[in-house]
């Protein structure tokens, strides 16, 4: 099924449109989140930080992720988003964050990211 190409399409989607692409609970959570999210403010903030959103339908979205049954709707990429084209051909690792990281988690993450 075709998913959202970018944040604008996701932000403007109705709950029924979201339910075409995700579970009812996830679509309800996403719809609530979008209702409270200031799209234009967030885009300006991302641009200042040189962060790009790569939507599921974007050719740069990694095929390995697209094959997952509950793949992310999109990825936030900092830096050169065209590096994403090389992902199938290079060894890589993703670091997924948490809001309540332990000191051990921060230390290990800094070591892995170095």
Protein backbone atom coordinates (compact mmCIF):
# COMPACT_ATOMS: atom_id res chain seq x y z
CA UNK A 1 0.00 0.00 0.00
CA UNK A 2 1.17 3.51 -0.68
CA UNK A 3 2.11 5.45 2.41
CA UNK A 4 2.62 9.15 2.97
CA UNK A 5 5.31 10.87 0.90
CA UNK A 6 6.16 13.41 3.56
CA UNK A 7 5.09 15.18 6.72
CA UNK A 8 2.64 17.46 4.90
CA UNK A 9 0.61 14.48 3.69
CA UNK A 10 0.77 12.80 7.07
CA UNK A 11 -0.13 15.99 8.93
CA UNK A 12 -3.20 16.56 6.76
CA UNK A 13 -4.45 12.96 6.80
CA UNK A 14 -7.78 12.05 8.36
CA UNK A 15 -8.00 9.23 10.87
CA UNK A 16 -9.62 6.98 8.25
CA UNK A 17 -6.73 7.68 5.85
CA UNK A 18 -4.25 6.82 8.60
CA UNK A 19 -6.10 3.56 9.34
CA UNK A 20 -5.43 2.43 5.77
CA UNK A 21 -1.72 2.27 6.63
CA UNK A 22 -1.50 1.37 10.32
CA UNK A 23 -3.31 -0.28 13.20
CA UNK A 24 -6.38 1.47 14.65
CA UNK A 25 -4.54 2.27 17.90
CA UNK A 26 -1.50 3.65 16.11
CA UNK A 27 -3.69 5.69 13.75
CA UNK A 28 -5.66 7.14 16.71
CA UNK A 29 -2.40 8.07 18.47
CA UNK A 30 -0.98 9.55 15.27
CA UNK A 31 -4.14 11.55 14.55
CA UNK A 32 -4.12 12.98 18.09
CA UNK A 33 -0.43 13.83 17.80
CA UNK A 34 -0.94 15.57 14.43
CA UNK A 35 -3.81 17.63 15.88
CA UNK A 36 -1.43 19.04 18.51
CA UNK A 37 1.62 19.41 16.26
CA UNK A 38 2.50 22.75 14.65
CA UNK A 39 3.64 21.62 11.21
CA UNK A 40 5.09 24.95 10.02
CA UNK A 41 6.97 25.61 13.25
CA UNK A 42 8.50 22.11 13.14
CA UNK A 43 9.57 22.49 9.49
CA UNK A 44 11.38 25.74 10.32
CA UNK A 45 13.08 24.07 13.28
CA UNK A 46 14.17 21.10 11.15
CA UNK A 47 15.52 23.40 8.42
CA UNK A 48 17.64 25.30 10.97
CA UNK A 49 19.14 21.99 12.11
CA UNK A 50 19.70 20.72 8.52
CA UNK A 51 17.30 17.81 9.11
CA UNK A 52 15.25 16.34 6.26
CA UNK A 53 12.19 14.09 6.45
CA UNK A 54 12.38 11.04 4.16
CA UNK A 55 8.85 9.66 3.73
CA UNK A 56 7.96 6.03 3.06
CA UNK A 57 7.22 6.77 -0.62
CA UNK A 58 10.48 8.68 -1.15
CA UNK A 59 12.98 6.76 -3.33
CA UNK A 60 15.63 7.46 -0.66
CA UNK A 61 13.66 5.51 1.97
CA UNK A 62 15.65 2.30 2.69
CA UNK A 63 14.16 -0.78 1.04
CA UNK A 64 15.17 -2.88 4.06
CA UNK A 65 12.86 -0.80 6.26
CA UNK A 66 10.09 -0.67 3.66
CA UNK A 67 9.89 -4.47 3.77
CA UNK A 68 9.01 -4.48 7.49
CA UNK A 69 5.33 -5.08 8.27
CA UNK A 70 5.11 -1.99 10.52
CA UNK A 71 7.78 0.17 8.89
CA UNK A 72 8.20 3.75 10.09
CA UNK A 73 6.18 6.31 8.14
CA UNK A 74 9.37 8.24 7.63
CA UNK A 75 12.84 9.01 8.85
CA UNK A 76 14.43 12.23 10.01
CA UNK A 77 17.90 12.52 8.47
CA UNK A 78 20.52 15.00 9.55
CA UNK A 79 23.12 15.91 6.98
CA UNK A 80 23.26 14.75 3.38
CA UNK A 81 20.07 12.75 2.72
CA UNK A 82 21.52 11.35 -0.52
CA UNK A 83 23.78 9.11 1.57
CA UNK A 84 20.56 7.11 2.02
CA UNK A 85 20.97 5.90 -1.60
CA UNK A 86 24.13 4.05 -0.55
CA UNK A 87 22.59 2.21 2.43
CA UNK A 88 22.01 -1.08 0.60
CA UNK A 89 25.72 -1.15 -0.29
CA UNK A 90 27.39 -0.12 2.97
CA UNK A 91 27.50 -1.40 6.52
CA UNK A 92 25.55 0.91 8.77
CA UNK A 93 23.91 1.18 12.13
CA UNK A 94 21.03 3.29 13.44
CA UNK A 95 20.87 4.67 16.95
CA UNK A 96 17.34 5.11 18.24
CA UNK A 97 16.99 7.45 21.19
CA UNK A 98 14.97 7.58 24.34
CA UNK A 99 13.75 10.45 26.46
CA UNK A 100 15.00 8.81 29.67
CA UNK A 101 18.48 7.61 28.82
CA UNK A 102 20.66 6.22 31.59
CA UNK A 103 24.23 7.42 31.99
CA UNK A 104 25.38 3.98 30.78
CA UNK A 105 23.18 4.31 27.67
CA UNK A 106 24.56 7.77 26.91
CA UNK A 107 28.16 6.53 27.34
CA UNK A 108 27.66 3.51 25.05
CA UNK A 109 25.88 5.63 22.44
CA UNK A 110 28.67 8.20 22.41
CA UNK A 111 31.21 5.40 22.01
CA UNK A 112 29.30 3.79 19.13
CA UNK A 113 28.69 7.11 17.37
CA UNK A 114 32.36 8.15 17.54
